[in-house]
N, C-alpha and C. Protein backbone atom coordinates (compact mmCIF):
# COMPACT_ATOMS: atom_id res chain seq x y z
N MET A 1 121.57 112.08 110.53
CA MET A 1 122.09 110.86 110.78
C MET A 1 121.40 110.24 111.99
N PHE A 2 121.03 109.02 111.87
CA PHE A 2 120.34 108.31 112.97
C PHE A 2 121.37 107.63 113.88
N SER A 3 121.11 107.56 115.16
CA SER A 3 122.03 106.65 115.97
C SER A 3 121.13 105.79 116.77
N MET A 4 121.74 104.69 117.25
CA MET A 4 120.91 103.72 117.99
C MET A 4 121.90 103.18 119.04
N LYS A 5 121.32 103.17 120.34
CA LYS A 5 122.03 102.70 121.37
C LYS A 5 121.61 101.13 121.64
N ILE A 6 122.62 100.33 121.70
CA ILE A 6 122.24 98.91 121.91
C ILE A 6 122.96 98.43 123.17
N THR A 7 122.12 97.99 124.07
CA THR A 7 122.56 97.42 125.35
C THR A 7 122.64 95.89 125.32
N LEU A 8 123.87 95.43 125.58
CA LEU A 8 124.11 93.98 125.56
C LEU A 8 123.84 93.43 126.86
N PRO A 9 123.32 92.20 126.97
CA PRO A 9 123.09 91.51 128.33
C PRO A 9 124.51 91.24 129.01
N ASN A 10 124.47 91.03 130.29
CA ASN A 10 125.70 90.83 131.00
C ASN A 10 126.20 89.33 130.64
N ALA A 11 127.44 89.12 130.86
CA ALA A 11 127.99 87.77 130.39
C ALA A 11 127.24 86.65 131.17
N GLY A 12 126.88 86.81 132.44
CA GLY A 12 126.23 85.72 133.12
C GLY A 12 124.89 85.42 132.50
N ALA A 13 124.10 86.42 132.18
CA ALA A 13 122.70 86.10 131.52
C ALA A 13 122.96 85.52 130.15
N LEU A 14 123.89 86.09 129.39
CA LEU A 14 124.14 85.48 128.06
C LEU A 14 124.57 83.97 128.11
N GLY A 15 125.56 83.65 129.08
CA GLY A 15 125.90 82.31 129.23
C GLY A 15 124.85 81.36 129.62
N ALA A 16 123.98 81.85 130.62
CA ALA A 16 122.79 81.08 130.98
C ALA A 16 121.81 80.73 129.81
N ALA A 17 121.65 81.81 129.05
CA ALA A 17 120.78 81.67 127.90
C ALA A 17 121.27 80.68 126.94
N MET A 18 122.52 80.77 126.57
CA MET A 18 123.21 79.90 125.65
C MET A 18 123.23 78.40 126.22
N LEU A 19 123.34 78.17 127.52
CA LEU A 19 123.33 76.91 128.06
C LEU A 19 121.98 76.35 128.00
N VAL A 20 120.85 77.02 128.28
CA VAL A 20 119.50 76.57 128.15
C VAL A 20 119.21 76.28 126.65
N ALA A 21 119.72 77.02 125.72
CA ALA A 21 119.39 76.71 124.33
C ALA A 21 120.21 75.45 123.93
N ALA A 22 121.38 75.23 124.39
CA ALA A 22 122.17 74.07 124.12
C ALA A 22 121.47 72.76 124.61
N VAL A 23 121.07 72.89 125.89
CA VAL A 23 120.43 71.78 126.56
C VAL A 23 119.10 71.40 125.83
N ALA A 24 118.33 72.41 125.57
CA ALA A 24 117.03 72.17 124.87
C ALA A 24 117.26 71.48 123.53
N GLY A 25 118.31 71.98 122.80
CA GLY A 25 118.62 71.38 121.53
C GLY A 25 119.10 69.97 121.67
N CYS A 26 119.70 69.56 122.75
CA CYS A 26 120.22 68.27 122.88
C CYS A 26 119.08 67.36 123.35
N ALA A 27 118.12 67.81 123.95
CA ALA A 27 117.04 67.09 124.69
C ALA A 27 115.96 66.60 123.60
N THR A 28 116.02 67.24 122.51
CA THR A 28 115.04 66.88 121.49
C THR A 28 115.57 66.19 120.26
N ARG A 29 114.91 65.23 119.82
CA ARG A 29 115.24 64.46 118.62
C ARG A 29 114.28 64.58 117.49
N PRO A 30 114.69 64.51 116.27
CA PRO A 30 113.60 64.49 115.23
C PRO A 30 112.83 63.26 115.34
N ALA A 31 111.57 63.33 115.12
CA ALA A 31 110.72 62.16 115.11
C ALA A 31 111.17 61.22 113.96
N ALA A 32 111.07 59.94 114.32
CA ALA A 32 111.32 58.94 113.27
C ALA A 32 110.24 59.03 112.22
N PRO A 33 110.71 58.85 110.89
CA PRO A 33 109.68 58.87 109.86
C PRO A 33 108.72 57.71 110.03
N SER A 34 107.40 58.03 109.68
CA SER A 34 106.49 56.95 109.79
C SER A 34 106.56 56.12 108.38
N ARG A 35 105.89 54.99 108.43
CA ARG A 35 105.87 54.22 107.16
C ARG A 35 105.14 54.92 105.99
N GLN A 36 104.37 55.86 106.36
CA GLN A 36 103.69 56.59 105.18
C GLN A 36 104.52 57.72 104.66
N ASP A 37 105.59 58.09 105.22
CA ASP A 37 106.48 59.11 104.94
C ASP A 37 107.17 58.74 103.59
N THR A 38 106.87 59.52 102.59
CA THR A 38 107.52 59.30 101.27
C THR A 38 108.77 60.14 101.10
N GLY A 39 109.03 60.93 102.05
CA GLY A 39 110.23 61.82 101.85
C GLY A 39 110.05 63.00 100.96
N ALA A 40 108.84 63.19 100.50
CA ALA A 40 108.56 64.35 99.80
C ALA A 40 108.31 65.60 100.67
N GLN A 41 108.89 66.69 100.33
CA GLN A 41 108.73 67.99 101.12
C GLN A 41 107.42 68.72 100.51
N PRO A 42 106.75 69.36 101.51
CA PRO A 42 105.67 70.11 100.99
C PRO A 42 106.03 71.28 100.18
N ALA A 43 105.22 71.56 99.24
CA ALA A 43 105.63 72.76 98.27
C ALA A 43 105.44 74.06 99.00
N ALA A 44 106.48 74.88 98.69
CA ALA A 44 106.43 76.21 99.34
C ALA A 44 105.29 76.99 98.73
N ALA A 45 104.67 77.80 99.59
CA ALA A 45 103.55 78.65 99.07
C ALA A 45 104.22 79.68 98.14
N ALA A 46 103.46 79.96 97.02
CA ALA A 46 103.86 81.01 96.14
C ALA A 46 103.57 82.30 96.67
N PRO A 47 104.53 83.38 96.50
CA PRO A 47 104.19 84.62 97.04
C PRO A 47 102.93 85.15 96.45
N SER A 48 102.20 85.92 97.20
CA SER A 48 100.92 86.56 96.86
C SER A 48 101.14 87.92 96.12
N VAL A 49 100.66 88.07 95.02
CA VAL A 49 100.94 89.36 94.22
C VAL A 49 99.51 89.72 93.76
N ALA A 50 99.12 90.99 94.16
CA ALA A 50 97.85 91.48 93.77
C ALA A 50 97.80 91.69 92.32
N PRO A 51 96.66 91.36 91.66
CA PRO A 51 96.63 91.50 90.17
C PRO A 51 96.59 92.92 89.87
N PRO A 52 96.99 93.36 88.72
CA PRO A 52 96.94 94.86 88.32
C PRO A 52 95.45 95.14 88.20
N VAL A 53 95.15 96.42 88.36
CA VAL A 53 93.78 96.91 88.16
C VAL A 53 93.89 98.12 87.17
N GLU A 54 92.81 98.49 86.60
CA GLU A 54 92.78 99.57 85.64
C GLU A 54 92.72 100.83 86.54
N PRO A 55 93.74 101.64 86.63
CA PRO A 55 93.71 102.88 87.50
C PRO A 55 92.69 103.92 87.12
N LEU A 56 92.35 104.58 88.02
CA LEU A 56 91.44 105.84 87.76
C LEU A 56 92.21 106.87 86.98
N ARG A 57 91.52 107.83 86.47
CA ARG A 57 92.15 108.92 85.78
C ARG A 57 91.66 110.29 86.38
N ASP A 58 92.56 111.23 86.60
CA ASP A 58 92.22 112.54 87.03
C ASP A 58 92.20 113.43 85.94
N SER A 59 90.94 113.87 85.68
CA SER A 59 90.73 114.75 84.34
C SER A 59 91.58 116.04 84.46
N LYS A 60 92.01 116.47 85.48
CA LYS A 60 92.70 117.73 85.68
C LYS A 60 94.22 117.55 85.62
N ALA A 61 94.74 116.29 85.65
CA ALA A 61 96.17 116.06 85.57
C ALA A 61 96.69 116.11 84.32
N ASP A 62 98.08 116.46 84.35
CA ASP A 62 98.87 116.52 83.01
C ASP A 62 99.73 115.27 83.08
N TYR A 63 99.24 114.28 82.45
CA TYR A 63 99.91 112.96 82.47
C TYR A 63 101.09 112.96 81.41
N THR A 64 101.36 114.12 80.67
CA THR A 64 102.42 114.12 79.73
C THR A 64 103.67 114.79 80.39
N ASP A 65 103.50 115.08 81.80
CA ASP A 65 104.70 115.61 82.51
C ASP A 65 104.93 114.65 83.70
N PRO A 66 106.07 113.90 83.65
CA PRO A 66 106.32 112.95 84.71
C PRO A 66 106.57 113.77 86.06
N ALA A 67 107.07 114.84 86.19
CA ALA A 67 107.27 115.63 87.28
C ALA A 67 105.95 115.94 87.88
N HIS A 68 105.01 116.32 87.17
CA HIS A 68 103.62 116.66 87.66
C HIS A 68 103.00 115.45 88.24
N VAL A 69 103.12 114.39 87.57
CA VAL A 69 102.49 113.03 87.94
C VAL A 69 103.09 112.65 89.32
N CYS A 70 104.42 112.73 89.48
CA CYS A 70 105.02 112.35 90.67
C CYS A 70 104.56 113.25 91.85
N GLN A 71 104.53 114.54 91.70
CA GLN A 71 104.03 115.46 92.63
C GLN A 71 102.52 115.16 93.05
N ALA A 72 101.71 114.94 91.92
CA ALA A 72 100.23 114.74 92.20
C ALA A 72 100.09 113.44 93.10
N PHE A 73 100.95 112.33 92.70
CA PHE A 73 100.81 111.13 93.43
C PHE A 73 101.25 111.29 94.81
N VAL A 74 102.28 111.84 95.08
CA VAL A 74 102.79 111.93 96.55
C VAL A 74 101.83 112.95 97.31
N THR A 75 101.33 113.88 96.74
CA THR A 75 100.33 114.81 97.50
C THR A 75 99.15 114.02 97.87
N ALA A 76 98.54 113.24 96.87
CA ALA A 76 97.34 112.41 97.15
C ALA A 76 97.70 111.31 98.20
N LEU A 77 98.88 110.73 98.16
CA LEU A 77 99.20 109.55 98.90
C LEU A 77 99.28 110.07 100.45
N TYR A 78 99.76 111.25 100.63
CA TYR A 78 99.88 111.61 102.00
C TYR A 78 98.74 112.59 102.51
N ARG A 79 97.89 112.94 101.65
CA ARG A 79 96.73 113.94 102.11
C ARG A 79 95.64 113.05 102.63
N VAL A 80 95.72 112.82 103.93
CA VAL A 80 94.82 112.00 104.69
C VAL A 80 93.83 113.00 105.34
N ASP A 81 92.54 112.62 105.37
CA ASP A 81 91.52 113.63 106.07
C ASP A 81 90.66 112.55 106.85
N THR A 82 90.94 112.35 108.18
CA THR A 82 90.08 111.44 108.93
C THR A 82 88.62 111.98 109.12
N THR A 83 88.35 113.12 108.86
CA THR A 83 86.95 113.64 108.91
C THR A 83 86.13 113.27 107.76
N ARG A 84 86.82 112.80 106.65
CA ARG A 84 86.10 112.35 105.45
C ARG A 84 86.45 110.96 105.00
N ASP A 85 87.63 110.56 105.27
CA ASP A 85 88.07 109.13 104.79
C ASP A 85 87.52 108.07 105.66
N ALA A 86 87.18 106.98 105.07
CA ALA A 86 86.61 105.85 105.89
C ALA A 86 87.68 105.10 106.51
N GLY A 87 88.94 105.18 105.94
CA GLY A 87 90.04 104.43 106.53
C GLY A 87 91.35 104.85 105.88
N PRO A 88 92.46 104.39 106.29
CA PRO A 88 93.73 104.84 105.75
C PRO A 88 93.92 104.50 104.25
N GLY A 89 93.28 103.47 103.74
CA GLY A 89 93.51 103.27 102.31
C GLY A 89 92.82 104.17 101.43
N ASP A 90 91.97 105.08 101.87
CA ASP A 90 91.27 106.11 100.95
C ASP A 90 92.40 107.00 100.30
N ALA A 91 93.42 107.41 101.05
CA ALA A 91 94.39 108.24 100.38
C ALA A 91 95.17 107.46 99.25
N PHE A 92 95.47 106.29 99.47
CA PHE A 92 96.10 105.50 98.41
C PHE A 92 95.11 105.26 97.26
N ALA A 93 93.82 105.19 97.45
CA ALA A 93 92.91 104.95 96.37
C ALA A 93 92.96 106.29 95.52
N ARG A 94 93.07 107.49 96.15
CA ARG A 94 93.08 108.79 95.45
C ARG A 94 94.41 108.76 94.70
N ALA A 95 95.53 108.40 95.26
CA ALA A 95 96.82 108.44 94.70
C ALA A 95 96.91 107.38 93.51
N SER A 96 96.02 106.29 93.46
CA SER A 96 96.13 105.37 92.43
C SER A 96 95.63 105.96 90.98
N ALA A 97 95.11 107.20 91.03
CA ALA A 97 94.81 107.82 89.76
C ALA A 97 96.14 108.29 89.10
N TYR A 98 97.23 108.17 89.81
CA TYR A 98 98.47 108.56 89.08
C TYR A 98 99.46 107.38 89.13
N ALA A 99 99.00 106.20 89.36
CA ALA A 99 99.77 104.95 89.48
C ALA A 99 99.60 103.95 88.36
N THR A 100 100.49 103.14 88.08
CA THR A 100 100.31 102.05 87.18
C THR A 100 99.30 101.06 87.71
N GLY A 101 98.73 100.18 86.85
CA GLY A 101 97.83 99.24 87.27
C GLY A 101 98.42 98.33 88.26
N ALA A 102 99.67 97.95 88.23
CA ALA A 102 100.29 97.03 89.10
C ALA A 102 100.38 97.63 90.43
N LEU A 103 100.77 99.02 90.52
CA LEU A 103 100.94 99.65 91.89
C LEU A 103 99.53 99.81 92.39
N ALA A 104 98.59 100.28 91.54
CA ALA A 104 97.32 100.51 92.12
C ALA A 104 96.70 99.17 92.71
N GLY A 105 97.13 98.09 92.07
CA GLY A 105 96.51 96.79 92.64
C GLY A 105 97.12 96.44 94.03
N GLN A 106 98.04 97.09 94.57
CA GLN A 106 98.51 96.91 95.86
C GLN A 106 97.71 97.61 97.02
N SER A 107 96.51 98.14 96.74
CA SER A 107 95.70 98.99 97.58
C SER A 107 95.46 98.23 98.89
N ALA A 108 95.38 96.97 98.86
CA ALA A 108 95.06 96.23 100.23
C ALA A 108 95.97 96.60 101.27
N ALA A 109 97.25 96.68 100.89
CA ALA A 109 98.27 96.94 101.96
C ALA A 109 98.14 98.30 102.53
N ALA A 110 97.56 99.31 101.87
CA ALA A 110 97.33 100.63 102.34
C ALA A 110 96.30 100.69 103.43
N ASP A 111 95.45 99.65 103.49
CA ASP A 111 94.36 99.59 104.54
C ASP A 111 94.91 99.44 105.90
N ARG A 112 96.18 99.26 106.13
CA ARG A 112 96.64 98.95 107.49
C ARG A 112 97.57 100.18 107.75
N ASP A 113 97.34 100.92 108.76
CA ASP A 113 98.16 101.96 109.15
C ASP A 113 98.08 102.18 110.63
N GLY A 114 99.13 101.93 111.45
CA GLY A 114 98.98 101.98 112.89
C GLY A 114 98.72 103.30 113.44
N ARG A 115 98.83 104.30 112.63
CA ARG A 115 98.47 105.68 113.11
C ARG A 115 97.05 106.12 112.96
N TRP A 116 96.22 105.41 112.22
CA TRP A 116 94.87 105.76 111.96
C TRP A 116 93.97 105.88 113.14
N GLU A 117 94.08 104.98 114.13
CA GLU A 117 93.16 105.04 115.39
C GLU A 117 93.49 106.51 116.10
N THR A 118 94.68 106.64 116.34
CA THR A 118 95.11 108.05 117.07
C THR A 118 94.71 109.17 116.14
N TRP A 119 95.00 109.14 114.88
CA TRP A 119 94.56 110.24 114.01
C TRP A 119 93.05 110.43 113.95
N ALA A 120 92.32 109.37 113.88
CA ALA A 120 90.78 109.48 113.91
C ALA A 120 90.27 110.05 115.17
N ALA A 121 90.84 109.71 116.29
CA ALA A 121 90.50 110.21 117.55
C ALA A 121 90.70 111.70 117.66
N HIS A 122 91.68 112.25 116.98
CA HIS A 122 91.98 113.64 117.03
C HIS A 122 91.42 114.40 115.75
N ARG A 123 90.71 113.59 114.87
CA ARG A 123 90.06 114.23 113.67
C ARG A 123 91.09 114.84 112.90
N VAL A 124 92.20 114.16 112.49
CA VAL A 124 93.32 114.64 111.84
C VAL A 124 93.12 114.95 110.35
N ARG A 125 93.68 115.96 109.87
CA ARG A 125 93.88 116.27 108.41
C ARG A 125 95.33 116.49 108.22
N VAL A 126 96.04 115.80 107.38
CA VAL A 126 97.43 115.94 107.18
C VAL A 126 97.72 117.03 106.19
N ASP A 127 98.54 117.95 106.65
CA ASP A 127 98.98 119.19 105.90
C ASP A 127 100.18 118.69 105.10
N VAL A 128 99.97 118.67 103.81
CA VAL A 128 101.10 118.23 102.87
C VAL A 128 101.71 119.37 102.01
N GLN A 129 102.97 119.39 102.03
CA GLN A 129 103.65 120.32 101.10
C GLN A 129 104.60 119.54 100.23
N VAL A 130 104.49 119.62 98.93
CA VAL A 130 105.38 118.84 97.99
C VAL A 130 106.02 119.84 97.07
N ARG A 131 107.35 119.67 96.85
CA ARG A 131 107.92 120.52 95.80
C ARG A 131 109.01 119.72 95.17
N PRO A 132 109.36 120.12 93.93
CA PRO A 132 110.45 119.38 93.23
C PRO A 132 111.80 119.18 94.06
N GLN A 133 112.36 118.06 93.88
CA GLN A 133 113.68 117.85 94.51
C GLN A 133 114.72 117.66 93.39
N PRO A 134 115.75 118.69 93.42
CA PRO A 134 116.68 118.49 92.34
C PRO A 134 117.53 117.21 92.75
N ASP A 135 117.58 116.31 91.86
CA ASP A 135 118.24 114.94 91.97
C ASP A 135 119.66 115.12 91.81
N MET A 136 120.50 114.68 92.79
CA MET A 136 121.88 114.89 92.75
C MET A 136 122.54 113.85 91.80
N HIS A 137 121.84 112.73 91.51
CA HIS A 137 122.35 111.76 90.53
C HIS A 137 121.19 111.38 89.55
N PRO A 138 120.91 112.29 88.64
CA PRO A 138 119.74 112.19 87.71
C PRO A 138 120.05 110.96 86.80
N GLN A 139 118.93 110.29 86.65
CA GLN A 139 118.99 109.18 85.63
C GLN A 139 118.27 109.72 84.36
N HIS A 140 118.81 109.29 83.33
CA HIS A 140 118.28 109.77 81.99
C HIS A 140 116.90 109.00 81.72
N ASP A 141 115.93 109.79 81.19
CA ASP A 141 114.67 109.31 80.93
C ASP A 141 114.77 108.57 79.54
N SER A 142 113.87 107.57 79.45
CA SER A 142 113.71 106.83 78.07
C SER A 142 112.33 107.19 77.69
N THR A 143 111.94 106.59 76.61
CA THR A 143 110.60 106.85 76.09
C THR A 143 109.57 106.12 76.91
N ILE A 144 109.99 105.15 77.68
CA ILE A 144 109.00 104.36 78.57
C ILE A 144 109.32 104.48 80.04
N GLU A 145 110.34 105.12 80.46
CA GLU A 145 110.67 105.23 81.93
C GLU A 145 111.33 106.46 82.25
N ALA A 146 110.86 107.17 83.37
CA ALA A 146 111.41 108.34 83.78
C ALA A 146 111.53 108.30 85.32
N HIS A 147 112.43 109.07 85.96
CA HIS A 147 112.67 109.28 87.33
C HIS A 147 112.46 110.69 87.80
N ARG A 148 111.75 110.87 88.85
CA ARG A 148 111.62 112.12 89.46
C ARG A 148 111.67 112.02 91.04
N ALA A 149 111.95 113.05 91.67
CA ALA A 149 112.01 113.18 93.12
C ALA A 149 111.35 114.48 93.73
N VAL A 150 110.65 114.36 94.77
CA VAL A 150 110.03 115.49 95.43
C VAL A 150 110.42 115.55 96.81
N GLN A 151 110.51 116.78 97.45
CA GLN A 151 110.53 116.93 98.84
C GLN A 151 109.23 116.96 99.47
N LEU A 152 109.09 116.19 100.58
CA LEU A 152 107.74 116.15 101.17
C LEU A 152 107.91 116.58 102.58
N THR A 153 106.84 117.38 103.00
CA THR A 153 106.65 117.74 104.38
C THR A 153 105.22 117.45 104.81
N ALA A 154 104.93 116.57 105.70
CA ALA A 154 103.62 116.23 106.01
C ALA A 154 103.38 116.22 107.53
N THR A 155 102.39 116.95 107.99
CA THR A 155 102.19 117.24 109.42
C THR A 155 100.69 116.93 109.73
N PRO A 156 100.40 115.92 110.68
CA PRO A 156 99.11 115.64 111.01
C PRO A 156 98.53 116.82 111.96
N VAL A 157 97.52 117.40 111.65
CA VAL A 157 96.96 118.47 112.41
C VAL A 157 95.42 117.97 112.73
N GLY A 158 95.35 118.05 114.07
CA GLY A 158 93.89 117.66 114.63
C GLY A 158 93.14 118.75 115.30
N ASP A 159 91.99 118.50 115.74
CA ASP A 159 91.18 119.44 116.35
C ASP A 159 91.77 119.88 117.71
N GLY A 160 91.39 121.04 118.12
CA GLY A 160 91.98 121.52 119.42
C GLY A 160 93.43 121.82 119.54
N GLY A 161 94.00 121.96 118.27
CA GLY A 161 95.46 122.29 118.32
C GLY A 161 96.33 121.09 118.34
N TRP A 162 95.82 119.85 118.35
CA TRP A 162 96.62 118.70 118.29
C TRP A 162 97.41 118.65 117.16
N ARG A 163 98.68 118.30 117.20
CA ARG A 163 99.64 118.07 116.10
C ARG A 163 100.55 116.89 116.37
N GLY A 164 100.68 116.06 115.33
CA GLY A 164 101.54 114.96 115.41
C GLY A 164 102.89 115.36 114.86
N TRP A 165 103.88 114.52 114.86
CA TRP A 165 105.19 114.86 114.35
C TRP A 165 105.24 115.04 112.85
N THR A 166 106.12 116.10 112.42
CA THR A 166 106.19 116.41 110.95
C THR A 166 107.08 115.43 110.31
N GLU A 167 106.70 114.86 109.19
CA GLU A 167 107.62 114.00 108.40
C GLU A 167 108.21 114.85 107.35
N HIS A 168 109.56 114.72 107.30
CA HIS A 168 110.35 115.38 106.25
C HIS A 168 110.96 114.24 105.38
N SER A 169 110.71 114.15 104.18
CA SER A 169 111.21 113.00 103.30
C SER A 169 111.49 113.44 101.90
N VAL A 170 112.23 112.70 101.16
CA VAL A 170 112.35 112.80 99.76
C VAL A 170 111.66 111.48 99.16
N VAL A 171 110.82 111.73 98.21
CA VAL A 171 110.12 110.62 97.75
C VAL A 171 110.66 110.52 96.16
N PHE A 172 111.15 109.40 95.86
CA PHE A 172 111.69 109.10 94.55
C PHE A 172 110.66 108.21 93.75
N CYS A 173 110.23 108.76 92.61
CA CYS A 173 109.27 108.10 91.84
C CYS A 173 109.83 107.57 90.59
N THR A 174 109.47 106.27 90.28
CA THR A 174 109.83 105.71 88.99
C THR A 174 108.57 105.63 88.16
N LEU A 175 108.56 106.30 87.00
CA LEU A 175 107.33 106.44 86.20
C LEU A 175 107.45 105.62 84.91
N ARG A 176 106.41 105.13 84.48
CA ARG A 176 106.31 104.38 83.20
C ARG A 176 105.23 104.96 82.26
N ALA A 177 105.53 104.98 81.02
CA ALA A 177 104.63 105.49 80.02
C ALA A 177 103.80 104.53 79.44
N GLY A 178 102.51 104.67 79.08
CA GLY A 178 101.65 103.91 78.37
C GLY A 178 101.28 102.60 79.17
N ASP A 179 101.23 102.65 80.47
CA ASP A 179 100.80 101.42 81.18
C ASP A 179 99.36 101.07 80.97
N SER A 180 99.22 99.87 80.74
CA SER A 180 97.87 99.13 80.55
C SER A 180 97.03 99.95 79.51
N GLY A 181 97.76 100.46 78.61
CA GLY A 181 96.96 101.13 77.44
C GLY A 181 96.59 102.64 77.85
N GLN A 182 96.98 103.11 79.09
CA GLN A 182 96.66 104.32 79.47
C GLN A 182 97.66 105.31 78.94
N PRO A 183 97.30 106.45 78.35
CA PRO A 183 98.18 107.36 77.75
C PRO A 183 99.03 108.14 78.93
N GLY A 184 100.24 108.64 78.65
CA GLY A 184 100.93 109.38 79.58
C GLY A 184 101.76 108.60 80.57
N TRP A 185 102.22 109.33 81.56
CA TRP A 185 103.15 108.66 82.67
C TRP A 185 102.31 108.28 83.81
N ARG A 186 102.73 107.24 84.48
CA ARG A 186 102.10 106.72 85.68
C ARG A 186 103.32 106.38 86.76
N VAL A 187 103.09 106.55 87.99
CA VAL A 187 104.05 106.06 88.96
C VAL A 187 103.96 104.47 89.04
N ALA A 188 105.09 103.93 88.71
CA ALA A 188 105.19 102.45 88.84
C ALA A 188 105.86 101.90 90.19
N HIS A 189 106.71 102.77 90.75
CA HIS A 189 107.27 102.47 92.06
C HIS A 189 107.76 103.76 92.65
N TYR A 190 107.78 103.70 94.08
CA TYR A 190 108.27 104.95 94.73
C TYR A 190 109.04 104.40 95.96
N ASP A 191 109.99 105.29 96.40
CA ASP A 191 110.73 104.93 97.59
C ASP A 191 110.81 106.29 98.37
N VAL A 192 110.59 106.16 99.71
CA VAL A 192 110.55 107.20 100.70
C VAL A 192 111.90 107.30 101.48
N GLN A 193 112.52 108.33 101.51
CA GLN A 193 113.72 108.46 102.20
C GLN A 193 113.67 109.65 103.28
N PRO A 194 113.61 109.34 104.58
CA PRO A 194 113.52 110.42 105.58
C PRO A 194 114.75 111.35 105.41
N VAL A 195 114.55 112.66 105.64
CA VAL A 195 115.67 113.61 105.50
C VAL A 195 115.45 114.58 106.79
N ARG A 196 116.50 115.27 107.13
CA ARG A 196 116.46 116.35 108.13
C ARG A 196 115.90 117.43 107.54
N PRO A 197 115.09 118.20 108.42
CA PRO A 197 114.44 119.52 107.98
C PRO A 197 115.51 120.52 107.51
């Protein structure tokens, strides 16, 4: 269970802040519309969604077993090696061999990881242990969708005995069959839930 301590400002500081906000709000007026103002509002930007890509295929993987695919995906996703990888997105690129085209298309987001600079300075390789997680609330598989969960332990280990904090999580995979004409199961979505060791 996580706990958080919240410190509230004292009443004087809070009152002063509210007074400043109220005065600032009263002191400004909306600009009068110009003659050229037609009243039309600018169109909201459409959300950017990366297009699906054709995922790679691991010739050694058993795509007929959704549990195997989930385990292989999570292992590849977390197995970072800063001595070989060019950046944080390389692990996701390897994991995309077990992902649907839509999930693999999200690879640009994996290129940003705030830990990378520290890990690279310590020449980190992440030690990954993945094992099946018995699901307390199993969902029934269909011919096109399956759900699996794995327990994950991931520890960044660097040169000279440097170690980062160990992550303990359960990763829930939603898998789809026959994505983009690819035979077998692929991870379409995953959720990571931290757990106590």
